[in-house]
Every structure is written in structure tokens, then in C-alpha cells.
Amino acid sequence: MSKSHSTTATRGNERWSQQVTRSSHSLDLERGVFSQEDPRDIARSLKESAERSERRKADPYRSAMSMLTFYVNRAGSQLSDSQRQRLEQAKDELREIYGRPRKDGKSKS
């Protein structure tokens, strides 16, 4: 009989995503960064964390975007529509800060 993998816990009551967030060596994030109201502030904070980190394995843009995407995916259906929209806008702000094209097609000058 094969072992079944638990999708609810890895150690005690801690989910794998909680462990990754708590013990990740990729970025030291500002507390409450994902709950900020302004998408640009979220992007700036992620940028600063990524550029300050000496432990990241990728370039700062990729590290910041990966952490934002991880948070959105981890939160899943727990995010309200407005929170999800704000975090998706933060991705575009992050792209703009790093001189990458925005997915929303808008260009801020």
C-alpha cells in the first residue's frame, strides 16, 4: 500500500507553505507588506527586500516577483477580489520599477 501525502500538514499543524514563508532564505520581507493598500508601496517594499538580500539565488526582480506570486498562489481563495486585484496591480508596478513591460498594457510616465 502506498503512502498518501497529507495536504493539510507537514509538522504538527503547520502547512508546508507556512514553513516556506517562515523559514525561507530568499527574502526578509517587511512585516505586513502584502496587506498594504497601495500596490506601488507593495512593489517598492519587495524591491528593497530583494535588493538588500544577500541570500537570494536569482536576480532581484525575479526574487521579488516570485515572492509576490507565491503569496498570491498560497492565499488562493482566501484572498478577496479587491486584495487579489491589488496584488496583481503590484506585479505590474514591480515590472515597471524594473523597466519591464506591464501586463495591463498601461504605461506610467
C-alpha atoms as a PDB file:
ATOM      1  CA  MET A   1       0.000   0.000   0.000  1.00  0.00           C
ATOM      2  CA  SER A   2       1.421   3.415  -0.918  1.00  0.00           C
ATOM      3  CA  LYS A   3       1.738   6.304   1.484  1.00  0.00           C
ATOM      4  CA  SER A   4      -0.680   9.141   0.952  1.00  0.00           C
ATOM      5  CA  HIS A   5       0.645  12.648   1.245  1.00  0.00           C
ATOM      6  CA  SER A   6      -1.188  14.916   3.617  1.00  0.00           C
ATOM      7  CA  THR A   7      -2.196  18.182   2.028  1.00  0.00           C
ATOM      8  CA  THR A   8      -3.043  19.765   5.353  1.00  0.00           C
ATOM      9  CA  ALA A   9       0.076  19.440   7.477  1.00  0.00           C
ATOM     10  CA  THR A  10       3.755  18.632   7.444  1.00  0.00           C
ATOM     11  CA  ARG A  11       4.875  19.189  11.030  1.00  0.00           C
ATOM     12  CA  GLY A  12       2.109  19.342  13.594  1.00  0.00           C
ATOM     13  CA  ASN A  13      -0.440  21.852  12.393  1.00  0.00           C
ATOM     14  CA  GLU A  14       1.931  23.780  10.164  1.00  0.00           C
ATOM     15  CA  ARG A  15       1.216  23.736   6.454  1.00  0.00           C
ATOM     16  CA  TRP A  16       4.156  23.430   4.054  1.00  0.00           C
ATOM     17  CA  SER A  17       3.526  26.943   2.776  1.00  0.00           C
ATOM     18  CA  GLN A  18       3.704  28.369   6.291  1.00  0.00           C
ATOM     19  CA  GLN A  19       7.053  26.684   6.779  1.00  0.00           C
ATOM     20  CA  VAL A  20       8.356  28.068   3.482  1.00  0.00           C
ATOM     21  CA  THR A  21       7.189  31.562   4.363  1.00  0.00           C
ATOM     22  CA  ARG A  22       8.643  31.351   7.879  1.00  0.00           C
ATOM     23  CA  SER A  23      11.974  29.740   7.076  1.00  0.00           C
ATOM     24  CA  SER A  24      12.651  30.837   3.504  1.00  0.00           C
ATOM     25  CA  HIS A  25      16.132  32.138   2.912  1.00  0.00           C
ATOM     26  CA  SER A  26      15.130  34.067  -0.171  1.00  0.00           C
ATOM     27  CA  LEU A  27      13.966  37.409   1.217  1.00  0.00           C
ATOM     28  CA  ASP A  28      13.456  39.136   4.546  1.00  0.00           C
ATOM     29  CA  LEU A  29      10.152  40.881   3.970  1.00  0.00           C
ATOM     30  CA  GLU A  30       8.780  43.946   5.683  1.00  0.00           C
ATOM     31  CA  ARG A  31       6.055  42.901   8.120  1.00  0.00           C
ATOM     32  CA  GLY A  32       2.596  43.328   6.572  1.00  0.00           C
ATOM     33  CA  VAL A  33       3.946  44.046   3.094  1.00  0.00           C
ATOM     34  CA  PHE A  34       1.145  42.187   1.312  1.00  0.00           C
ATOM     35  CA  SER A  35      -1.592  43.958   3.252  1.00  0.00           C
ATOM     36  CA  GLN A  36      -0.518  47.470   2.259  1.00  0.00           C
ATOM     37  CA  GLU A  37      -3.194  49.453   0.417  1.00  0.00           C
ATOM     38  CA  ASP A  38      -1.061  50.925  -2.377  1.00  0.00           C
ATOM     39  CA  PRO A  39       0.192  48.425  -4.994  1.00  0.00           C
ATOM     40  CA  ARG A  40       3.212  50.665  -5.657  1.00  0.00           C
ATOM     41  CA  ASP A  41       4.170  50.520  -1.951  1.00  0.00           C
ATOM     42  CA  ILE A  42       3.981  46.711  -2.062  1.00  0.00           C
ATOM     43  CA  ALA A  43       6.219  46.663  -5.146  1.00  0.00           C
ATOM     44  CA  ARG A  44       8.729  49.108  -3.632  1.00  0.00           C
ATOM     45  CA  SER A  45       8.958  47.084  -0.434  1.00  0.00           C
ATOM     46  CA  LEU A  46       9.532  43.840  -2.343  1.00  0.00           C
ATOM     47  CA  LYS A  47      12.168  45.544  -4.488  1.00  0.00           C
ATOM     48  CA  GLU A  48      14.018  46.840  -1.424  1.00  0.00           C
ATOM     49  CA  SER A  49      13.890  43.417   0.242  1.00  0.00           C
ATOM     50  CA  ALA A  50      15.146  41.677  -2.895  1.00  0.00           C
ATOM     51  CA  GLU A  51      17.991  44.112  -3.455  1.00  0.00           C
ATOM     52  CA  ARG A  52      19.023  44.036   0.201  1.00  0.00           C
ATOM     53  CA  SER A  53      19.064  40.234   0.394  1.00  0.00           C
ATOM     54  CA  GLU A  54      22.436  38.503   0.179  1.00  0.00           C
ATOM     55  CA  ARG A  55      20.843  35.038   0.230  1.00  0.00           C
ATOM     56  CA  ARG A  56      18.714  35.175  -2.905  1.00  0.00           C
ATOM     57  CA  LYS A  57      19.591  32.821  -5.737  1.00  0.00           C
ATOM     58  CA  ALA A  58      18.078  34.813  -8.614  1.00  0.00           C
ATOM     59  CA  ASP A  59      18.226  38.439  -9.718  1.00  0.00           C
ATOM     60  CA  PRO A  60      16.262  40.917  -7.536  1.00  0.00           C
ATOM     61  CA  TYR A  61      13.361  41.260  -9.994  1.00  0.00           C
ATOM     62  CA  ARG A  62      12.808  37.513 -10.205  1.00  0.00           C
ATOM     63  CA  SER A  63      13.103  37.078  -6.431  1.00  0.00           C
ATOM     64  CA  ALA A  64      10.602  39.860  -5.719  1.00  0.00           C
ATOM     65  CA  MET A  65       8.125  38.643  -8.347  1.00  0.00           C
ATOM     66  CA  SER A  66       8.463  35.045  -7.150  1.00  0.00           C
ATOM     67  CA  MET A  67       7.669  36.010  -3.569  1.00  0.00           C
ATOM     68  CA  LEU A  68       4.621  38.010  -4.676  1.00  0.00           C
ATOM     69  CA  THR A  69       3.375  35.178  -6.890  1.00  0.00           C
ATOM     70  CA  PHE A  70       3.985  32.640  -4.118  1.00  0.00           C
ATOM     71  CA  TYR A  71       1.897  34.726  -1.720  1.00  0.00           C
ATOM     72  CA  VAL A  72      -0.993  35.088  -4.196  1.00  0.00           C
ATOM     73  CA  ASN A  73      -0.974  31.370  -5.006  1.00  0.00           C
ATOM     74  CA  ARG A  74      -0.669  30.366  -1.352  1.00  0.00           C
ATOM     75  CA  ALA A  75      -3.544  32.586  -0.266  1.00  0.00           C
ATOM     76  CA  GLY A  76      -5.748  31.196  -3.036  1.00  0.00           C
ATOM     77  CA  SER A  77      -9.445  31.532  -2.350  1.00  0.00           C
ATOM     78  CA  GLN A  78      -8.737  33.260   0.960  1.00  0.00           C
ATOM     79  CA  LEU A  79      -8.000  36.487  -0.926  1.00  0.00           C
ATOM     80  CA  SER A  80     -10.884  38.825  -1.560  1.00  0.00           C
ATOM     81  CA  ASP A  81     -11.329  40.072  -5.108  1.00  0.00           C
ATOM     82  CA  SER A  82     -10.033  43.504  -4.095  1.00  0.00           C
ATOM     83  CA  GLN A  83      -6.941  42.021  -2.408  1.00  0.00           C
ATOM     84  CA  ARG A  84      -6.195  39.845  -5.436  1.00  0.00           C
ATOM     85  CA  GLN A  85      -6.615  42.835  -7.758  1.00  0.00           C
ATOM     86  CA  ARG A  86      -4.301  44.970  -5.594  1.00  0.00           C
ATOM     87  CA  LEU A  87      -1.623  42.243  -5.610  1.00  0.00           C
ATOM     88  CA  GLU A  88      -1.943  41.778  -9.380  1.00  0.00           C
ATOM     89  CA  GLN A  89      -1.513  45.552  -9.730  1.00  0.00           C
ATOM     90  CA  ALA A  90       1.567  45.280  -7.503  1.00  0.00           C
ATOM     91  CA  LYS A  91       3.028  42.836 -10.040  1.00  0.00           C
ATOM     92  CA  ASP A  92       2.624  45.437 -12.773  1.00  0.00           C
ATOM     93  CA  GLU A  93       4.155  48.099 -10.516  1.00  0.00           C
ATOM     94  CA  LEU A  94       7.096  45.783  -9.884  1.00  0.00           C
ATOM     95  CA  ARG A  95       7.512  45.221 -13.624  1.00  0.00           C
ATOM     96  CA  GLU A  96       7.512  48.973 -14.179  1.00  0.00           C
ATOM     97  CA  ILE A  97      10.025  49.663 -11.404  1.00  0.00           C
ATOM     98  CA  TYR A  98      12.401  47.201 -13.070  1.00  0.00           C
ATOM     99  CA  GLY A  99      11.769  48.560 -16.561  1.00  0.00           C
ATOM    100  CA  ARG A 100       9.779  45.562 -17.757  1.00  0.00           C
ATOM    101  CA  PRO A 101       6.542  45.760 -19.759  1.00  0.00           C
ATOM    102  CA  ARG A 102       3.336  45.839 -17.750  1.00  0.00           C
ATOM    103  CA  LYS A 103       0.814  43.087 -18.368  1.00  0.00           C
ATOM    104  CA  ASP A 104      -2.101  45.501 -18.022  1.00  0.00           C
ATOM    105  CA  GLY A 105      -0.891  47.382 -21.101  1.00  0.00           C
ATOM    106  CA  LYS A 106      -0.771  50.725 -19.280  1.00  0.00           C
ATOM    107  CA  SER A 107       2.341  52.806 -19.242  1.00  0.00           C
ATOM    108  CA  LYS A 108       3.013  55.313 -16.490  1.00  0.00           C
ATOM    109  CA  SER A 109       5.379  58.077 -17.457  1.00  0.00           C
END
